[in-house]
Amino acid sequence: MVCGILCHYRAVGYYFRITMAFDFITGELLLVDKPIDWTSFDVVNKIRRLISRTIGVRLKVGHAGTLDPKATGLLLICTGGMTKQINRFMELDKEYTGTFFLGATTPSFDTETEPEPHSSIMHPESEIIHATAKKFTGPILQVPPLFSAKKIEGKRAYTLARKNLDIDLPPVPVTIHTFEITRFEYPEVDFRVNCSKGTYIRSLARDFGEALGTGAYLSSLRRTRIGNYEATDAISISQFESLLQTMKK
């Protein structure tokens, strides 16, 4: 393994430096920028294969907080001994930016399933949009999406939902620390949310649309921060692969 090589990459519009002194077996925390249409498990499996191919050892790799396939942004990846710290990282607050689309709903609450027009033809004013956001700030009870990784009697909810089975998920307590509307141009509502662990932004989209009477679904989502870890410091999968190629030389 080649150590101490200082490499420069451009990621998400920012330069950052990575010291090539990885110890994947003892444990590393990797900040990865998840691409759209990848599951969090896709990223973990890819990182595991890349590392195993580089160091010749198959090791444990895990992530600290799932991102939906249609979401992008920060994913914390733990390797080796660092996987013992996953639960600690999962406890950290999260920050997201994205867009709600008003006037329609989807079964998955995002773009993974097809939109269905809402019966309402209301076009709420900006003041109503901002006032409604305030109603969801603080401790709230939130029902997780049916298309989620929540387990029901040992099975993932999304598996049952895709079979059109009638399932009932109980509400769970979460906290929305900040719910800021950053742009409103009907039918789109851009937002920034800072929240506790376990919060589903897709469910927030559904609840927001129901409160407005227009319906809504999540049309885009990016996780920008986990605790003090920022997406601007994250590396893409292709950049990580390039770093490992450098280590081999």
Protein backbone atom coordinates (compact mmCIF):
# COMPACT_ATOMS: atom_id res chain seq x y z
CA MET A 1 0.00 0.00 0.00
CA VAL A 2 1.36 3.41 -0.93
CA CYS A 3 0.84 5.90 1.90
CA GLY A 4 1.38 9.61 2.32
CA ILE A 5 0.53 10.53 -1.28
CA LEU A 6 -1.46 13.75 -1.32
CA CYS A 7 -4.14 13.74 -4.01
CA HIS A 8 -6.41 16.57 -5.13
CA TYR A 9 -9.90 16.06 -6.49
CA ARG A 10 -12.79 18.34 -7.28
CA ALA A 11 -16.08 17.19 -5.74
CA VAL A 12 -19.40 19.06 -5.63
CA GLY A 13 -17.62 22.29 -6.61
CA TYR A 14 -15.02 22.16 -3.81
CA TYR A 15 -11.37 21.08 -3.68
CA PHE A 16 -10.42 18.73 -0.92
CA ARG A 17 -7.37 16.68 -0.09
CA ILE A 18 -7.17 13.05 0.85
CA THR A 19 -4.09 11.51 2.42
CA MET A 20 -3.52 8.04 1.04
CA ALA A 21 -2.91 6.42 4.42
CA PHE A 22 -5.96 4.19 4.58
CA ASP A 23 -6.18 1.33 7.05
CA PHE A 24 -9.41 -0.31 5.93
CA ILE A 25 -9.06 -3.30 8.24
CA THR A 26 -8.55 -1.35 11.48
CA GLY A 27 -11.32 0.89 10.19
CA GLU A 28 -12.03 3.96 8.08
CA LEU A 29 -14.96 6.36 7.86
CA LEU A 30 -15.55 7.27 4.21
CA LEU A 31 -17.74 10.20 3.12
CA VAL A 32 -19.35 9.09 -0.14
CA ASP A 33 -21.65 11.08 -2.43
CA LYS A 34 -24.36 8.59 -3.40
CA PRO A 35 -25.52 8.87 -7.02
CA ILE A 36 -29.17 8.78 -8.01
CA ASP A 37 -30.76 5.37 -8.71
CA TRP A 38 -28.21 3.55 -6.52
CA THR A 39 -29.41 1.97 -3.31
CA SER A 40 -27.31 2.45 -0.19
CA PHE A 41 -26.53 -1.27 -0.34
CA ASP A 42 -25.34 -0.86 -3.96
CA VAL A 43 -22.79 1.69 -2.70
CA VAL A 44 -21.68 -0.56 0.18
CA ASN A 45 -21.26 -3.54 -2.14
CA LYS A 46 -19.30 -1.50 -4.68
CA ILE A 47 -16.98 -0.03 -2.02
CA ARG A 48 -16.45 -3.49 -0.51
CA ARG A 49 -15.52 -4.99 -3.88
CA LEU A 50 -13.14 -2.14 -4.71
CA ILE A 51 -11.34 -2.36 -1.38
CA SER A 52 -11.18 -6.16 -1.39
CA ARG A 53 -9.70 -6.10 -4.88
CA THR A 54 -7.11 -3.54 -3.79
CA ILE A 55 -5.90 -5.09 -0.50
CA GLY A 56 -6.66 -8.73 -1.27
CA VAL A 57 -8.86 -9.18 1.80
CA ARG A 58 -12.64 -9.32 2.02
CA LEU A 59 -13.68 -7.16 4.96
CA LYS A 60 -16.80 -5.87 6.65
CA VAL A 61 -18.29 -2.66 5.18
CA GLY A 62 -21.52 -0.93 6.21
CA HIS A 63 -23.35 2.39 6.01
CA ALA A 64 -24.71 4.63 8.75
CA GLY A 65 -28.15 5.68 7.53
CA THR A 66 -30.03 4.61 4.40
CA LEU A 67 -30.64 6.93 1.47
CA ASP A 68 -33.51 6.08 -0.89
CA PRO A 69 -32.59 5.15 -4.49
CA LYS A 70 -33.94 8.45 -5.86
CA ALA A 71 -31.97 10.51 -3.33
CA THR A 72 -28.38 11.70 -3.69
CA GLY A 73 -25.83 13.03 -1.24
CA LEU A 74 -23.86 12.12 1.83
CA LEU A 75 -23.55 8.49 2.85
CA LEU A 76 -21.23 7.54 5.71
CA ILE A 77 -19.44 4.28 4.91
CA CYS A 78 -17.60 2.38 7.65
CA THR A 79 -14.97 -0.27 6.98
CA GLY A 80 -13.44 -2.95 9.18
CA GLY A 81 -13.34 -2.09 12.86
CA MET A 82 -15.13 1.22 12.25
CA THR A 83 -18.37 -0.70 11.57
CA LYS A 84 -18.68 -1.00 15.36
CA GLN A 85 -19.33 2.75 15.39
CA ILE A 86 -22.24 2.67 12.92
CA ASN A 87 -24.96 3.03 15.56
CA ARG A 88 -23.23 6.12 16.96
CA PHE A 89 -23.19 7.78 13.54
CA MET A 90 -26.82 6.84 12.93
CA GLU A 91 -27.86 8.83 16.01
CA LEU A 92 -26.66 12.09 14.44
CA ASP A 93 -29.06 14.70 13.04
CA LYS A 94 -29.41 14.96 9.27
CA GLU A 95 -29.86 17.87 6.85
CA TYR A 96 -31.58 17.62 3.47
CA THR A 97 -32.45 19.86 0.55
CA GLY A 98 -34.93 19.04 -2.17
CA THR A 99 -38.23 19.72 -3.89
CA PHE A 100 -41.87 18.83 -3.23
CA PHE A 101 -44.21 18.64 -6.23
CA LEU A 102 -47.73 19.81 -5.40
CA GLY A 103 -50.98 18.72 -7.05
CA ALA A 104 -50.18 15.01 -7.33
CA THR A 105 -49.28 12.01 -5.18
CA THR A 106 -47.43 8.73 -5.66
CA PRO A 107 -47.69 5.41 -3.76
CA SER A 108 -44.01 5.64 -2.75
CA PHE A 109 -44.28 9.39 -1.93
CA ASP A 110 -41.41 10.05 -4.39
CA THR A 111 -40.60 9.48 -8.08
CA GLU A 112 -39.99 5.74 -7.71
CA THR A 113 -43.68 5.19 -8.59
CA GLU A 114 -45.92 6.98 -11.07
CA PRO A 115 -47.67 10.24 -10.04
CA GLU A 116 -51.46 10.39 -9.80
CA PRO A 117 -53.19 13.80 -10.10
CA HIS A 118 -54.79 15.07 -6.90
CA SER A 119 -58.49 15.93 -6.94
CA SER A 120 -57.84 19.45 -5.66
CA ILE A 121 -57.16 22.32 -8.07
CA MET A 122 -56.02 24.67 -5.32
CA HIS A 123 -52.95 26.84 -5.90
CA PRO A 124 -51.91 27.92 -2.39
CA GLU A 125 -50.32 31.31 -1.84
CA SER A 126 -46.74 31.66 -0.62
CA GLU A 127 -47.91 32.72 2.85
CA ILE A 128 -49.84 29.45 3.23
CA ILE A 129 -46.81 27.43 2.13
CA HIS A 130 -44.57 29.04 4.76
CA ALA A 131 -47.23 28.83 7.48
CA THR A 132 -47.79 25.13 6.77
CA ALA A 133 -44.06 24.41 7.04
CA LYS A 134 -44.07 25.88 10.54
CA LYS A 135 -46.74 23.35 11.58
CA PHE A 136 -44.23 20.55 10.99
CA THR A 137 -41.40 22.11 13.00
CA GLY A 138 -40.61 20.51 16.36
CA PRO A 139 -41.51 17.05 17.71
CA ILE A 140 -44.09 15.31 15.50
CA LEU A 141 -45.51 11.84 14.92
CA GLN A 142 -44.77 10.52 11.45
CA VAL A 143 -46.04 7.42 9.64
CA PRO A 144 -43.21 5.84 7.58
CA PRO A 145 -43.82 5.20 3.86
CA LEU A 146 -45.16 1.80 2.89
CA PHE A 147 -42.32 1.68 0.34
CA SER A 148 -39.62 1.72 3.01
CA ALA A 149 -37.11 -0.60 4.66
CA LYS A 150 -39.15 -0.77 7.88
CA LYS A 151 -39.64 -4.36 8.99
CA ILE A 152 -43.06 -5.92 9.57
CA GLU A 153 -42.90 -9.39 11.09
CA GLY A 154 -39.39 -9.81 9.70
CA LYS A 155 -40.18 -8.59 6.17
CA ARG A 156 -39.34 -5.24 4.60
CA ALA A 157 -42.37 -3.00 4.15
CA TYR A 158 -41.52 -2.30 0.50
CA THR A 159 -41.65 -6.03 -0.27
CA LEU A 160 -45.20 -6.24 1.05
CA ALA A 161 -46.23 -2.93 -0.56
CA ARG A 162 -45.08 -4.12 -4.00
CA LYS A 163 -47.34 -7.16 -3.57
CA ASN A 164 -50.26 -4.77 -2.88
CA LEU A 165 -50.72 -6.28 0.57
CA ASP A 166 -52.64 -4.30 3.16
CA ILE A 167 -50.11 -3.23 5.78
CA ASP A 168 -50.28 -0.78 8.64
CA LEU A 169 -47.21 1.05 9.90
CA PRO A 170 -47.55 2.78 13.28
CA PRO A 171 -46.48 6.43 13.64
CA VAL A 172 -43.08 7.11 15.18
CA PRO A 173 -41.84 10.22 17.00
CA VAL A 174 -39.31 12.37 15.11
CA THR A 175 -38.13 15.94 15.43
CA ILE A 176 -37.92 18.54 12.66
CA HIS A 177 -35.44 21.12 13.94
CA THR A 178 -35.63 23.34 10.83
CA PHE A 179 -38.08 23.32 7.92
CA GLU A 180 -37.20 26.22 5.64
CA ILE A 181 -38.93 27.00 2.33
CA THR A 182 -36.19 28.25 0.00
CA ARG A 183 -38.24 28.67 -3.19
CA PHE A 184 -41.89 28.41 -4.14
CA GLU A 185 -43.07 28.44 -7.73
CA TYR A 186 -46.20 26.32 -8.09
CA PRO A 187 -46.19 23.34 -8.37
CA GLU A 188 -42.64 23.18 -6.94
CA VAL A 189 -41.59 23.87 -3.35
CA ASP A 190 -37.86 23.84 -2.58
CA PHE A 191 -36.88 23.25 1.04
CA ARG A 192 -34.11 22.72 3.55
CA VAL A 193 -34.80 20.39 6.49
CA ASN A 194 -32.69 19.64 9.56
CA CYS A 195 -34.11 16.68 11.46
CA SER A 196 -33.55 13.83 13.88
CA LYS A 197 -32.67 10.27 12.91
CA GLY A 198 -35.56 8.20 11.58
CA THR A 199 -37.25 11.09 9.76
CA TYR A 200 -38.64 10.27 6.32
CA ILE A 201 -38.63 13.29 4.02
CA ARG A 202 -40.97 11.37 1.71
CA SER A 203 -43.50 11.17 4.55
CA LEU A 204 -42.99 14.87 5.21
CA ALA A 205 -43.86 15.52 1.54
CA ARG A 206 -47.06 13.48 1.86
CA ASP A 207 -48.08 15.15 5.13
CA PHE A 208 -47.24 18.60 3.78
CA GLY A 209 -49.44 18.01 0.73
CA GLU A 210 -52.29 16.70 2.86
CA ALA A 211 -52.09 19.75 5.14
CA LEU A 212 -52.25 22.03 2.09
CA GLY A 213 -55.12 20.05 0.56
CA THR A 214 -53.24 19.71 -2.73
CA GLY A 215 -51.36 16.45 -2.29
CA ALA A 216 -47.61 16.34 -2.81
CA TYR A 217 -44.71 14.00 -3.46
CA LEU A 218 -40.94 14.27 -3.17
CA SER A 219 -39.51 15.01 -6.61
CA SER A 220 -35.85 15.43 -5.58
CA LEU A 221 -33.78 14.95 -2.42
CA ARG A 222 -30.17 15.46 -1.43
CA ARG A 223 -28.63 14.77 1.96
CA THR A 224 -26.22 17.60 2.64
CA ARG A 225 -25.07 16.88 6.18
CA ILE A 226 -24.90 14.19 8.89
CA GLY A 227 -23.85 15.65 12.24
CA ASN A 228 -20.75 17.68 11.43
CA TYR A 229 -19.99 15.72 8.24
CA GLU A 230 -20.74 17.67 5.05
CA ALA A 231 -21.63 16.45 1.56
CA THR A 232 -19.20 19.04 0.19
CA ASP A 233 -16.40 16.91 1.66
CA ALA A 234 -17.70 13.68 0.14
CA ILE A 235 -16.08 11.78 -2.69
CA SER A 236 -17.82 10.12 -5.62
CA ILE A 237 -17.53 6.39 -6.20
CA SER A 238 -15.49 6.94 -9.36
CA GLN A 239 -13.09 9.22 -7.48
CA PHE A 240 -12.70 6.63 -4.74
CA GLU A 241 -11.94 4.02 -7.37
CA SER A 242 -9.28 6.32 -8.83
CA LEU A 243 -7.73 6.76 -5.39
CA LEU A 244 -7.49 3.01 -4.96
CA GLN A 245 -5.88 2.70 -8.39
CA THR A 246 -3.23 5.17 -7.18
CA MET A 247 -2.66 3.06 -4.07
CA LYS A 248 -1.84 0.07 -6.24
CA LYS A 249 1.01 1.87 -8.05
